[in-house]
Amino acid sequence: MKAIRWPSNSTPARAPSYRPPSFASEKDYKQSDGGGLFMLVTTTGSKLWRFSYRFDAKQKLLALGQYPVTSLADARIKRDNAKRLLAEGIDPSANRNARSEHYWRCIRLCHSNESRRT
């Protein structure tokens, strides 16, 4: 996978319309935004925001959303939030998984309580 930087004059409105390189139809490629944020462009045409970071001496990857649902500005905000967690010594990926697990545990608990009432 080849990494490509955004043109230096890119703005949040212009960045995702950057023309793909000649090899784009052959394999996935990355367009770097900086600070670990990049857009993964797949051969099928999907544009996915990813944040690459290191935690406990391991390289990790966090999915931030799909373009255009998640704009460049939103992806940058999500990246900054993940960087804040890293500064506090918290793994953003593990934090997301723990929050999701807690959410589903609460849903199951509420559902089981409702079924007991009937």
PDB file of N, CA and C in Angstrom:
ATOM      1  N   MET A   1       0.836  -1.150   0.000  1.00  0.00           N
ATOM      2  CA  MET A   1       0.000   0.000   0.000  1.00  0.00           C
ATOM      3  C   MET A   1       0.895   1.231   0.000  1.00  0.00           C
ATOM      4  N   LYS A   2       0.606   2.154  -0.874  1.00  0.00           N
ATOM      5  CA  LYS A   2       1.428   3.335  -1.031  1.00  0.00           C
ATOM      6  C   LYS A   2       0.767   4.527  -0.351  1.00  0.00           C
ATOM      7  N   ALA A   3       1.532   5.312   0.365  1.00  0.00           N
ATOM      8  CA  ALA A   3       1.007   6.497   1.049  1.00  0.00           C
ATOM      9  C   ALA A   3       1.252   7.723   0.187  1.00  0.00           C
ATOM     10  N   ILE A   4       0.250   8.580   0.121  1.00  0.00           N
ATOM     11  CA  ILE A   4       0.324   9.800  -0.666  1.00  0.00           C
ATOM     12  C   ILE A   4      -0.114  10.950   0.224  1.00  0.00           C
ATOM     13  N   ARG A   5       0.588  12.067   0.181  1.00  0.00           N
ATOM     14  CA  ARG A   5       0.198  13.226   0.987  1.00  0.00           C
ATOM     15  C   ARG A   5      -0.789  14.086   0.210  1.00  0.00           C
ATOM     16  N   TRP A   6      -1.684  14.756   0.976  1.00  0.00           N
ATOM     17  CA  TRP A   6      -2.597  15.711   0.355  1.00  0.00           C
ATOM     18  C   TRP A   6      -1.772  16.820  -0.284  1.00  0.00           C
ATOM     19  N   PRO A   7      -2.269  17.458  -1.308  1.00  0.00           N
ATOM     20  CA  PRO A   7      -1.575  18.630  -1.844  1.00  0.00           C
ATOM     21  C   PRO A   7      -1.481  19.696  -0.757  1.00  0.00           C
ATOM     22  N   SER A   8      -0.424  20.485  -0.778  1.00  0.00           N
ATOM     23  CA  SER A   8      -0.178  21.446   0.299  1.00  0.00           C
ATOM     24  C   SER A   8      -1.269  22.508   0.381  1.00  0.00           C
ATOM     25  N   ASN A   9      -1.988  22.744  -0.703  1.00  0.00           N
ATOM     26  CA  ASN A   9      -3.033  23.770  -0.681  1.00  0.00           C
ATOM     27  C   ASN A   9      -4.406  23.180  -0.372  1.00  0.00           C
ATOM     28  N   SER A  10      -4.455  21.974   0.188  1.00  0.00           N
ATOM     29  CA  SER A  10      -5.739  21.340   0.450  1.00  0.00           C
ATOM     30  C   SER A  10      -6.447  21.989   1.626  1.00  0.00           C
ATOM     31  N   THR A  11      -7.737  22.017   1.542  1.00  0.00           N
ATOM     32  CA  THR A  11      -8.592  22.521   2.616  1.00  0.00           C
ATOM     33  C   THR A  11      -9.611  21.435   2.915  1.00  0.00           C
ATOM     34  N   PRO A  12     -10.315  21.531   4.042  1.00  0.00           N
ATOM     35  CA  PRO A  12     -11.311  20.496   4.344  1.00  0.00           C
ATOM     36  C   PRO A  12     -12.327  20.294   3.218  1.00  0.00           C
ATOM     37  N   ALA A  13     -12.668  21.350   2.497  1.00  0.00           N
ATOM     38  CA  ALA A  13     -13.647  21.209   1.421  1.00  0.00           C
ATOM     39  C   ALA A  13     -13.039  20.557   0.184  1.00  0.00           C
ATOM     40  N   ARG A  14     -11.761  20.785  -0.071  1.00  0.00           N
ATOM     41  CA  ARG A  14     -11.132  20.304  -1.301  1.00  0.00           C
ATOM     42  C   ARG A  14     -10.430  18.969  -1.150  1.00  0.00           C
ATOM     43  N   ALA A  15      -9.965  18.633   0.040  1.00  0.00           N
ATOM     44  CA  ALA A  15      -9.085  17.488   0.219  1.00  0.00           C
ATOM     45  C   ALA A  15      -9.628  16.169  -0.336  1.00  0.00           C
ATOM     46  N   PRO A  16     -10.870  15.754  -0.042  1.00  0.00           N
ATOM     47  CA  PRO A  16     -11.327  14.457  -0.528  1.00  0.00           C
ATOM     48  C   PRO A  16     -11.498  14.363  -2.040  1.00  0.00           C
ATOM     49  N   SER A  17     -11.489  15.491  -2.765  1.00  0.00           N
ATOM     50  CA  SER A  17     -11.649  15.433  -4.208  1.00  0.00           C
ATOM     51  C   SER A  17     -10.313  15.295  -4.937  1.00  0.00           C
ATOM     52  N   TYR A  18      -9.240  15.093  -4.205  1.00  0.00           N
ATOM     53  CA  TYR A  18      -7.907  14.915  -4.788  1.00  0.00           C
ATOM     54  C   TYR A  18      -7.926  13.765  -5.784  1.00  0.00           C
ATOM     55  N   ARG A  19      -7.336  13.963  -6.956  1.00  0.00           N
ATOM     56  CA  ARG A  19      -7.342  12.926  -7.994  1.00  0.00           C
ATOM     57  C   ARG A  19      -6.456  11.754  -7.605  1.00  0.00           C
ATOM     58  N   PRO A  20      -6.967  10.530  -7.792  1.00  0.00           N
ATOM     59  CA  PRO A  20      -6.178   9.354  -7.430  1.00  0.00           C
ATOM     60  C   PRO A  20      -5.004   9.152  -8.382  1.00  0.00           C
ATOM     61  N   PRO A  21      -3.941   8.512  -7.919  1.00  0.00           N
ATOM     62  CA  PRO A  21      -2.794   8.237  -8.778  1.00  0.00           C
ATOM     63  C   PRO A  21      -3.146   7.181  -9.826  1.00  0.00           C
ATOM     64  N   SER A  22      -2.250   6.962 -10.745  1.00  0.00           N
ATOM     65  CA  SER A  22      -2.518   6.050 -11.857  1.00  0.00           C
ATOM     66  C   SER A  22      -2.718   4.602 -11.420  1.00  0.00           C
ATOM     67  N   PHE A  23      -2.111   4.185 -10.303  1.00  0.00           N
ATOM     68  CA  PHE A  23      -2.233   2.800  -9.860  1.00  0.00           C
ATOM     69  C   PHE A  23      -3.475   2.567  -8.993  1.00  0.00           C
ATOM     70  N   ALA A  24      -4.335   3.575  -8.829  1.00  0.00           N
ATOM     71  CA  ALA A  24      -5.456   3.507  -7.888  1.00  0.00           C
ATOM     72  C   ALA A  24      -6.405   2.343  -8.172  1.00  0.00           C
ATOM     73  N   SER A  25      -6.606   1.979  -9.399  1.00  0.00           N
ATOM     74  CA  SER A  25      -7.555   0.901  -9.693  1.00  0.00           C
ATOM     75  C   SER A  25      -6.974  -0.474  -9.380  1.00  0.00           C
ATOM     76  N   GLU A  26      -5.668  -0.560  -9.176  1.00  0.00           N
ATOM     77  CA  GLU A  26      -5.009  -1.846  -8.955  1.00  0.00           C
ATOM     78  C   GLU A  26      -4.954  -2.261  -7.491  1.00  0.00           C
ATOM     79  N   LYS A  27      -4.833  -1.290  -6.570  1.00  0.00           N
ATOM     80  CA  LYS A  27      -4.690  -1.649  -5.155  1.00  0.00           C
ATOM     81  C   LYS A  27      -5.132  -0.484  -4.271  1.00  0.00           C
ATOM     82  N   ASP A  28      -5.354  -0.797  -2.992  1.00  0.00           N
ATOM     83  CA  ASP A  28      -5.726   0.227  -2.024  1.00  0.00           C
ATOM     84  C   ASP A  28      -4.562   1.193  -1.829  1.00  0.00           C
ATOM     85  N   TYR A  29      -4.894   2.443  -1.492  1.00  0.00           N
ATOM     86  CA  TYR A  29      -3.830   3.392  -1.199  1.00  0.00           C
ATOM     87  C   TYR A  29      -4.287   4.347  -0.099  1.00  0.00           C
ATOM     88  N   LYS A  30      -3.313   5.007   0.515  1.00  0.00           N
ATOM     89  CA  LYS A  30      -3.571   5.939   1.611  1.00  0.00           C
ATOM     90  C   LYS A  30      -3.303   7.359   1.147  1.00  0.00           C
ATOM     91  N   GLN A  31      -4.108   8.296   1.684  1.00  0.00           N
ATOM     92  CA  GLN A  31      -3.820   9.708   1.502  1.00  0.00           C
ATOM     93  C   GLN A  31      -3.661  10.294   2.896  1.00  0.00           C
ATOM     94  N   SER A  32      -2.455  10.681   3.225  1.00  0.00           N
ATOM     95  CA  SER A  32      -2.131  11.153   4.567  1.00  0.00           C
ATOM     96  C   SER A  32      -2.603  12.586   4.769  1.00  0.00           C
ATOM     97  N   ASP A  33      -3.128  12.857   5.958  1.00  0.00           N
ATOM     98  CA  ASP A  33      -3.527  14.213   6.319  1.00  0.00           C
ATOM     99  C   ASP A  33      -2.578  14.797   7.350  1.00  0.00           C
ATOM    100  N   GLY A  34      -1.948  13.949   8.131  1.00  0.00           N
ATOM    101  CA  GLY A  34      -1.015  14.417   9.152  1.00  0.00           C
ATOM    102  C   GLY A  34      -1.482  14.033  10.539  1.00  0.00           C
ATOM    103  N   GLY A  35      -0.533  13.911  11.437  1.00  0.00           N
ATOM    104  CA  GLY A  35      -0.852  13.569  12.811  1.00  0.00           C
ATOM    105  C   GLY A  35      -1.400  12.165  12.972  1.00  0.00           C
ATOM    106  N   GLY A  36      -1.102  11.285  12.018  1.00  0.00           N
ATOM    107  CA  GLY A  36      -1.568   9.904  12.087  1.00  0.00           C
ATOM    108  C   GLY A  36      -2.884   9.672  11.365  1.00  0.00           C
ATOM    109  N   LEU A  37      -3.547  10.737  10.921  1.00  0.00           N
ATOM    110  CA  LEU A  37      -4.825  10.615  10.219  1.00  0.00           C
ATOM    111  C   LEU A  37      -4.582  10.395   8.733  1.00  0.00           C
ATOM    112  N   PHE A  38      -5.295   9.438   8.168  1.00  0.00           N
ATOM    113  CA  PHE A  38      -5.214   9.234   6.725  1.00  0.00           C
ATOM    114  C   PHE A  38      -6.529   8.676   6.203  1.00  0.00           C
ATOM    115  N   MET A  39      -6.707   8.827   4.898  1.00  0.00           N
ATOM    116  CA  MET A  39      -7.872   8.261   4.227  1.00  0.00           C
ATOM    117  C   MET A  39      -7.404   7.036   3.461  1.00  0.00           C
ATOM    118  N   LEU A  40      -8.037   5.906   3.719  1.00  0.00           N
ATOM    119  CA  LEU A  40      -7.751   4.686   2.986  1.00  0.00           C
ATOM    120  C   LEU A  40      -8.747   4.612   1.838  1.00  0.00           C
ATOM    121  N   VAL A  41      -8.253   4.616   0.615  1.00  0.00           N
ATOM    122  CA  VAL A  41      -9.098   4.519  -0.566  1.00  0.00           C
ATOM    123  C   VAL A  41      -8.940   3.119  -1.122  1.00  0.00           C
ATOM    124  N   THR A  42     -10.033   2.370  -1.130  1.00  0.00           N
ATOM    125  CA  THR A  42      -9.985   0.980  -1.585  1.00  0.00           C
ATOM    126  C   THR A  42     -10.215   0.892  -3.081  1.00  0.00           C
ATOM    127  N   THR A  43      -9.928  -0.262  -3.638  1.00  0.00           N
ATOM    128  CA  THR A  43     -10.118  -0.465  -5.077  1.00  0.00           C
ATOM    129  C   THR A  43     -11.589  -0.406  -5.455  1.00  0.00           C
ATOM    130  N   THR A  44     -12.481  -0.653  -4.500  1.00  0.00           N
ATOM    131  CA  THR A  44     -13.917  -0.578  -4.784  1.00  0.00           C
ATOM    132  C   THR A  44     -14.434   0.851  -4.722  1.00  0.00           C
ATOM    133  N   GLY A  45     -13.587   1.791  -4.294  1.00  0.00           N
ATOM    134  CA  GLY A  45     -13.967   3.198  -4.258  1.00  0.00           C
ATOM    135  C   GLY A  45     -14.337   3.713  -2.885  1.00  0.00           C
ATOM    136  N   SER A  46     -14.345   2.857  -1.860  1.00  0.00           N
ATOM    137  CA  SER A  46     -14.654   3.308  -0.507  1.00  0.00           C
ATOM    138  C   SER A  46     -13.545   4.216  -0.002  1.00  0.00           C
ATOM    139  N   LYS A  47     -13.943   5.264   0.711  1.00  0.00           N
ATOM    140  CA  LYS A  47     -12.985   6.187   1.310  1.00  0.00           C
ATOM    141  C   LYS A  47     -13.203   6.126   2.815  1.00  0.00           C
ATOM    142  N   LEU A  48     -12.211   5.629   3.539  1.00  0.00           N
ATOM    143  CA  LEU A  48     -12.343   5.366   4.967  1.00  0.00           C
ATOM    144  C   LEU A  48     -11.297   6.131   5.760  1.00  0.00           C
ATOM    145  N   TRP A  49     -11.734   6.859   6.789  1.00  0.00           N
ATOM    146  CA  TRP A  49     -10.802   7.587   7.651  1.00  0.00           C
ATOM    147  C   TRP A  49     -10.213   6.634   8.673  1.00  0.00           C
ATOM    148  N   ARG A  50      -8.884   6.678   8.835  1.00  0.00           N
ATOM    149  CA  ARG A  50      -8.176   5.847   9.799  1.00  0.00           C
ATOM    150  C   ARG A  50      -7.184   6.711  10.563  1.00  0.00           C
ATOM    151  N   PHE A  51      -6.936   6.332  11.821  1.00  0.00           N
ATOM    152  CA  PHE A  51      -5.948   7.002  12.661  1.00  0.00           C
ATOM    153  C   PHE A  51      -4.938   5.961  13.103  1.00  0.00           C
ATOM    154  N   SER A  52      -3.696   6.167  12.736  1.00  0.00           N
ATOM    155  CA  SER A  52      -2.614   5.250  13.073  1.00  0.00           C
ATOM    156  C   SER A  52      -1.852   5.819  14.267  1.00  0.00           C
ATOM    157  N   TYR A  53      -1.644   4.965  15.284  1.00  0.00           N
ATOM    158  CA  TYR A  53      -0.956   5.421  16.486  1.00  0.00           C
ATOM    159  C   TYR A  53      -0.192   4.270  17.128  1.00  0.00           C
ATOM    160  N   ARG A  54       0.644   4.605  18.100  1.00  0.00           N
ATOM    161  CA  ARG A  54       1.388   3.597  18.859  1.00  0.00           C
ATOM    162  C   ARG A  54       0.934   3.650  20.306  1.00  0.00           C
ATOM    163  N   PHE A  55       0.723   2.455  20.884  1.00  0.00           N
ATOM    164  CA  PHE A  55       0.368   2.357  22.289  1.00  0.00           C
ATOM    165  C   PHE A  55       1.051   1.123  22.848  1.00  0.00           C
ATOM    166  N   ASP A  56       1.739   1.278  23.973  1.00  0.00           N
ATOM    167  CA  ASP A  56       2.520   0.192  24.571  1.00  0.00           C
ATOM    168  C   ASP A  56       3.466  -0.445  23.554  1.00  0.00           C
ATOM    169  N   ALA A  57       4.150   0.389  22.799  1.00  0.00           N
ATOM    170  CA  ALA A  57       5.139  -0.026  21.798  1.00  0.00           C
ATOM    171  C   ALA A  57       4.543  -0.907  20.707  1.00  0.00           C
ATOM    172  N   LYS A  58       3.243  -0.772  20.452  1.00  0.00           N
ATOM    173  CA  LYS A  58       2.582  -1.521  19.376  1.00  0.00           C
ATOM    174  C   LYS A  58       1.884  -0.547  18.439  1.00  0.00           C
ATOM    175  N   GLN A  59       2.001  -0.803  17.154  1.00  0.00           N
ATOM    176  CA  GLN A  59       1.323   0.007  16.150  1.00  0.00           C
ATOM    177  C   GLN A  59      -0.142  -0.408  16.106  1.00  0.00           C
ATOM    178  N   LYS A  60      -1.048   0.584  16.172  1.00  0.00           N
ATOM    179  CA  LYS A  60      -2.480   0.300  16.167  1.00  0.00           C
ATOM    180  C   LYS A  60      -3.180   1.197  15.170  1.00  0.00           C
ATOM    181  N   LEU A  61      -4.408   0.795  14.815  1.00  0.00           N
ATOM    182  CA  LEU A  61      -5.187   1.514  13.822  1.00  0.00           C
ATOM    183  C   LEU A  61      -6.604   1.675  14.347  1.00  0.00           C
ATOM    184  N   LEU A  62      -7.138   2.876  14.264  1.00  0.00           N
ATOM    185  CA  LEU A  62      -8.482   3.169  14.740  1.00  0.00           C
ATOM    186  C   LEU A  62      -9.316   3.666  13.571  1.00  0.00           C
ATOM    187  N   ALA A  63     -10.463   3.037  13.341  1.00  0.00           N
ATOM    188  CA  ALA A  63     -11.381   3.467  12.283  1.00  0.00           C
ATOM    189  C   ALA A  63     -12.183   4.660  12.786  1.00  0.00           C
ATOM    190  N   LEU A  64     -12.239   5.726  11.989  1.00  0.00           N
ATOM    191  CA  LEU A  64     -12.937   6.941  12.401  1.00  0.00           C
ATOM    192  C   LEU A  64     -14.223   7.192  11.618  1.00  0.00           C
ATOM    193  N   GLY A  65     -14.441   6.483  10.542  1.00  0.00           N
ATOM    194  CA  GLY A  65     -15.670   6.660   9.778  1.00  0.00           C
ATOM    195  C   GLY A  65     -15.430   6.618   8.291  1.00  0.00           C
ATOM    196  N   GLN A  66     -16.525   6.665   7.562  1.00  0.00           N
ATOM    197  CA  GLN A  66     -16.469   6.599   6.105  1.00  0.00           C
ATOM    198  C   GLN A  66     -16.782   7.977   5.531  1.00  0.00           C
ATOM    199  N   TYR A  67     -16.002   8.373   4.531  1.00  0.00           N
ATOM    200  CA  TYR A  67     -16.264   9.618   3.828  1.00  0.00           C
ATOM    201  C   TYR A  67     -17.364   9.353   2.812  1.00  0.00           C
ATOM    202  N   PRO A  68     -18.339  10.178   2.626  1.00  0.00           N
ATOM    203  CA  PRO A  68     -18.562  11.540   3.095  1.00  0.00           C
ATOM    204  C   PRO A  68     -19.385  11.647   4.378  1.00  0.00           C
ATOM    205  N   VAL A  69     -19.818  10.534   4.967  1.00  0.00           N
ATOM    206  CA  VAL A  69     -20.580  10.588   6.217  1.00  0.00           C
ATOM    207  C   VAL A  69     -19.760  11.304   7.292  1.00  0.00           C
ATOM    208  N   THR A  70     -18.486  10.976   7.380  1.00  0.00           N
ATOM    209  CA  THR A  70     -17.567  11.647   8.295  1.00  0.00           C
ATOM    210  C   THR A  70     -16.686  12.571   7.456  1.00  0.00           C
ATOM    211  N   SER A  71     -16.844  13.868   7.649  1.00  0.00           N
ATOM    212  CA  SER A  71     -16.073  14.843   6.873  1.00  0.00           C
ATOM    213  C   SER A  71     -14.626  14.897   7.369  1.00  0.00           C
ATOM    214  N   LEU A  72     -13.798  15.605   6.634  1.00  0.00           N
ATOM    215  CA  LEU A  72     -12.410  15.767   7.037  1.00  0.00           C
ATOM    216  C   LEU A  72     -12.324  16.484   8.379  1.00  0.00           C
ATOM    217  N   ALA A  73     -13.140  17.508   8.574  1.00  0.00           N
ATOM    218  CA  ALA A  73     -13.138  18.244   9.845  1.00  0.00           C
ATOM    219  C   ALA A  73     -13.547  17.328  10.998  1.00  0.00           C
ATOM    220  N   ASP A  74     -14.571  16.496  10.785  1.00  0.00           N
ATOM    221  CA  ASP A  74     -15.007  15.557  11.827  1.00  0.00           C
ATOM    222  C   ASP A  74     -13.920  14.527  12.126  1.00  0.00           C
ATOM    223  N   ALA A  75     -13.264  14.044  11.081  1.00  0.00           N
ATOM    224  CA  ALA A  75     -12.191  13.060  11.259  1.00  0.00           C
ATOM    225  C   ALA A  75     -11.045  13.669  12.063  1.00  0.00           C
ATOM    226  N   ARG A  76     -10.737  14.933  11.805  1.00  0.00           N
ATOM    227  CA  ARG A  76      -9.674  15.603  12.558  1.00  0.00           C
ATOM    228  C   ARG A  76     -10.061  15.769  14.027  1.00  0.00           C
ATOM    229  N   ILE A  77     -11.331  16.057  14.301  1.00  0.00           N
ATOM    230  CA  ILE A  77     -11.800  16.180  15.689  1.00  0.00           C
ATOM    231  C   ILE A  77     -11.691  14.825  16.388  1.00  0.00           C
ATOM    232  N   LYS A  78     -12.108  13.762  15.709  1.00  0.00           N
ATOM    233  CA  LYS A  78     -12.011  12.418  16.289  1.00  0.00           C
ATOM    234  C   LYS A  78     -10.559  12.033  16.542  1.00  0.00           C
ATOM    235  N   ARG A  79      -9.668  12.399  15.609  1.00  0.00           N
ATOM    236  CA  ARG A  79      -8.235  12.141  15.799  1.00  0.00           C
ATOM    237  C   ARG A  79      -7.714  12.877  17.022  1.00  0.00           C
ATOM    238  N   ASP A  80      -8.102  14.146  17.165  1.00  0.00           N
ATOM    239  CA  ASP A  80      -7.658  14.940  18.315  1.00  0.00           C
ATOM    240  C   ASP A  80      -8.171  14.355  19.628  1.00  0.00           C
ATOM    241  N   ASN A  81      -9.410  13.868  19.641  1.00  0.00           N
ATOM    242  CA  ASN A  81      -9.956  13.223  20.839  1.00  0.00           C
ATOM    243  C   ASN A  81      -9.165  11.962  21.181  1.00  0.00           C
ATOM    244  N   ALA A  82      -8.811  11.186  20.154  1.00  0.00           N
ATOM    245  CA  ALA A  82      -8.013   9.976  20.381  1.00  0.00           C
ATOM    246  C   ALA A  82      -6.631  10.346  20.909  1.00  0.00           C
ATOM    247  N   LYS A  83      -6.056  11.439  20.410  1.00  0.00           N
ATOM    248  CA  LYS A  83      -4.743  11.880  20.887  1.00  0.00           C
ATOM    249  C   LYS A  83      -4.808  12.325  22.351  1.00  0.00           C
ATOM    250  N   ARG A  84      -5.940  12.925  22.756  1.00  0.00           N
ATOM    251  CA  ARG A  84      -6.107  13.313  24.163  1.00  0.00           C
ATOM    252  C   ARG A  84      -6.111  12.072  25.050  1.00  0.00           C
ATOM    253  N   LEU A  85      -6.815  11.026  24.604  1.00  0.00           N
ATOM    254  CA  LEU A  85      -6.834   9.774  25.369  1.00  0.00           C
ATOM    255  C   LEU A  85      -5.432   9.194  25.479  1.00  0.00           C
ATOM    256  N   LEU A  86      -4.680   9.224  24.375  1.00  0.00           N
ATOM    257  CA  LEU A  86      -3.306   8.713  24.391  1.00  0.00           C
ATOM    258  C   LEU A  86      -2.446   9.497  25.379  1.00  0.00           C
ATOM    259  N   ALA A  87      -2.634  10.811  25.430  1.00  0.00           N
ATOM    260  CA  ALA A  87      -1.865  11.649  26.355  1.00  0.00           C
ATOM    261  C   ALA A  87      -2.179  11.295  27.811  1.00  0.00           C
ATOM    262  N   GLU A  88      -3.392  10.809  28.062  1.00  0.00           N
ATOM    263  CA  GLU A  88      -3.783  10.394  29.409  1.00  0.00           C
ATOM    264  C   GLU A  88      -3.397   8.945  29.699  1.00  0.00           C
ATOM    265  N   GLY A  89      -2.774   8.283  28.718  1.00  0.00           N
ATOM    266  CA  GLY A  89      -2.351   6.900  28.902  1.00  0.00           C
ATOM    267  C   GLY A  89      -3.450   5.883  28.655  1.00  0.00           C
ATOM    268  N   ILE A  90      -4.471   6.273  27.899  1.00  0.00           N
ATOM    269  CA  ILE A  90      -5.598   5.386  27.595  1.00  0.00           C
ATOM    270  C   ILE A  90      -5.543   5.005  26.123  1.00  0.00           C
ATOM    271  N   ASP A  91      -5.707   3.715  25.845  1.00  0.00           N
ATOM    272  CA  ASP A  91      -5.739   3.234  24.465  1.00  0.00           C
ATOM    273  C   ASP A  91      -7.115   3.570  23.872  1.00  0.00           C
ATOM    274  N   PRO A  92      -7.180   4.402  22.811  1.00  0.00           N
ATOM    275  CA  PRO A  92      -8.470   4.789  22.236  1.00  0.00           C
ATOM    276  C   PRO A  92      -9.291   3.594  21.750  1.00  0.00           C
ATOM    277  N   SER A  93      -8.631   2.607  21.212  1.00  0.00           N
ATOM    278  CA  SER A  93      -9.330   1.419  20.714  1.00  0.00           C
ATOM    279  C   SER A  93      -9.956   0.643  21.864  1.00  0.00           C
ATOM    280  N   ALA A  94      -9.213   0.422  22.923  1.00  0.00           N
ATOM    281  CA  ALA A  94      -9.722  -0.301  24.087  1.00  0.00           C
ATOM    282  C   ALA A  94     -10.828   0.500  24.762  1.00  0.00           C
ATOM    283  N   ASN A  95     -10.698   1.822  24.787  1.00  0.00           N
ATOM    284  CA  ASN A  95     -11.717   2.683  25.373  1.00  0.00           C
ATOM    285  C   ASN A  95     -13.027   2.559  24.596  1.00  0.00           C
ATOM    286  N   ARG A  96     -12.940   2.551  23.274  1.00  0.00           N
ATOM    287  CA  ARG A  96     -14.133   2.410  22.441  1.00  0.00           C
ATOM    288  C   ARG A  96     -14.794   1.056  22.685  1.00  0.00           C
ATOM    289  N   ASN A  97     -13.988  -0.001  22.749  1.00  0.00           N
ATOM    290  CA  ASN A  97     -14.530  -1.341  22.977  1.00  0.00           C
ATOM    291  C   ASN A  97     -15.198  -1.437  24.344  1.00  0.00           C
ATOM    292  N   ALA A  98     -14.599  -0.832  25.355  1.00  0.00           N
ATOM    293  CA  ALA A  98     -15.170  -0.871  26.701  1.00  0.00           C
ATOM    294  C   ALA A  98     -16.494  -0.119  26.748  1.00  0.00           C
ATOM    295  N   ARG A  99     -16.562   1.036  26.084  1.00  0.00           N
ATOM    296  CA  ARG A  99     -17.815   1.803  26.055  1.00  0.00           C
ATOM    297  C   ARG A  99     -18.895   1.020  25.326  1.00  0.00           C
ATOM    298  N   SER A 100     -18.541   0.379  24.221  1.00  0.00           N
ATOM    299  CA  SER A 100     -19.507  -0.412  23.460  1.00  0.00           C
ATOM    300  C   SER A 100     -19.998  -1.595  24.282  1.00  0.00           C
ATOM    301  N   GLU A 101     -19.090  -2.257  24.957  1.00  0.00           N
ATOM    302  CA  GLU A 101     -19.449  -3.408  25.791  1.00  0.00           C
ATOM    303  C   GLU A 101     -20.390  -2.973  26.916  1.00  0.00           C
ATOM    304  N   HIS A 102     -20.084  -1.831  27.535  1.00  0.00           N
ATOM    305  CA  HIS A 102     -20.938  -1.307  28.604  1.00  0.00           C
ATOM    306  C   HIS A 102     -22.333  -0.991  28.069  1.00  0.00           C
ATOM    307  N   TYR A 103     -22.418  -0.389  26.896  1.00  0.00           N
ATOM    308  CA  TYR A 103     -23.697  -0.044  26.272  1.00  0.00           C
ATOM    309  C   TYR A 103     -24.546  -1.297  26.061  1.00  0.00           C
ATOM    310  N   TRP A 104     -23.962  -2.326  25.477  1.00  0.00           N
ATOM    311  CA  TRP A 104     -24.725  -3.537  25.189  1.00  0.00           C
ATOM    312  C   TRP A 104     -25.095  -4.283  26.464  1.00  0.00           C
ATOM    313  N   ARG A 105     -24.261  -4.202  27.476  1.00  0.00           N
ATOM    314  CA  ARG A 105     -24.590  -4.818  28.766  1.00  0.00           C
ATOM    315  C   ARG A 105     -25.824  -4.132  29.355  1.00  0.00           C
ATOM    316  N   CYS A 106     -25.887  -2.811  29.256  1.00  0.00           N
ATOM    317  CA  CYS A 106     -27.047  -2.065  29.758  1.00  0.00           C
ATOM    318  C   CYS A 106     -28.307  -2.401  28.964  1.00  0.00           C
ATOM    319  N   ILE A 107     -28.179  -2.531  27.652  1.00  0.00           N
ATOM    320  CA  ILE A 107     -29.324  -2.882  26.811  1.00  0.00           C
ATOM    321  C   ILE A 107     -29.853  -4.258  27.201  1.00  0.00           C
ATOM    322  N   ARG A 108     -28.942  -5.223  27.371  1.00  0.00           N
ATOM    323  CA  ARG A 108     -29.369  -6.572  27.756  1.00  0.00           C
ATOM    324  C   ARG A 108     -30.041  -6.566  29.122  1.00  0.00           C
ATOM    325  N   LEU A 109     -29.513  -5.783  30.045  1.00  0.00           N
ATOM    326  CA  LEU A 109     -30.080  -5.697  31.382  1.00  0.00           C
ATOM    327  C   LEU A 109     -31.490  -5.099  31.332  1.00  0.00           C
ATOM    328  N   CYS A 110     -31.646  -4.015  30.584  1.00  0.00           N
ATOM    329  CA  CYS A 110     -32.970  -3.393  30.454  1.00  0.00           C
ATOM    330  C   CYS A 110     -33.955  -4.357  29.801  1.00  0.00           C
ATOM    331  N   HIS A 111     -33.503  -5.055  28.792  1.00  0.00           N
ATOM    332  CA  HIS A 111     -34.371  -6.001  28.086  1.00  0.00           C
ATOM    333  C   HIS A 111     -34.778  -7.151  29.011  1.00  0.00           C
ATOM    334  N   SER A 112     -33.849  -7.653  29.801  1.00  0.00           N
ATOM    335  CA  SER A 112     -34.173  -8.754  30.703  1.00  0.00           C
ATOM    336  C   SER A 112     -35.113  -8.286  31.814  1.00  0.00           C
ATOM    337  N   ASN A 113     -34.968  -7.038  32.275  1.00  0.00           N
ATOM    338  CA  ASN A 113     -35.871  -6.491  33.284  1.00  0.00           C
ATOM    339  C   ASN A 113     -37.282  -6.335  32.743  1.00  0.00           C
ATOM    340  N   GLU A 114     -37.405  -5.893  31.467  1.00  0.00           N
ATOM    341  CA  GLU A 114     -38.726  -5.739  30.861  1.00  0.00           C
ATOM    342  C   GLU A 114     -39.413  -7.086  30.684  1.00  0.00           C
ATOM    343  N   SER A 115     -38.651  -8.103  30.291  1.00  0.00           N
ATOM    344  CA  SER A 115     -39.249  -9.428  30.081  1.00  0.00           C
ATOM    345  C   SER A 115     -39.688 -10.056  31.404  1.00  0.00           C
ATOM    346  N   ARG A 116     -39.049  -9.685  32.512  1.00  0.00           N
ATOM    347  CA  ARG A 116     -39.446 -10.203  33.821  1.00  0.00           C
ATOM    348  C   ARG A 116     -40.746  -9.572  34.317  1.00  0.00           C
ATOM    349  N   ARG A 117     -40.974  -8.326  33.895  1.00  0.00           N
ATOM    350  CA  ARG A 117     -42.180  -7.598  34.321  1.00  0.00           C
ATOM    351  C   ARG A 117     -43.444  -8.187  33.685  1.00  0.00           C
ATOM    352  N   THR A 118     -43.309  -8.752  32.518  1.00  0.00           N
ATOM    353  CA  THR A 118     -44.496  -9.250  31.811  1.00  0.00           C
ATOM    354  C   THR A 118     -44.831 -10.665  32.177  1.00  0.00           C
TER     355      THR A 118
END
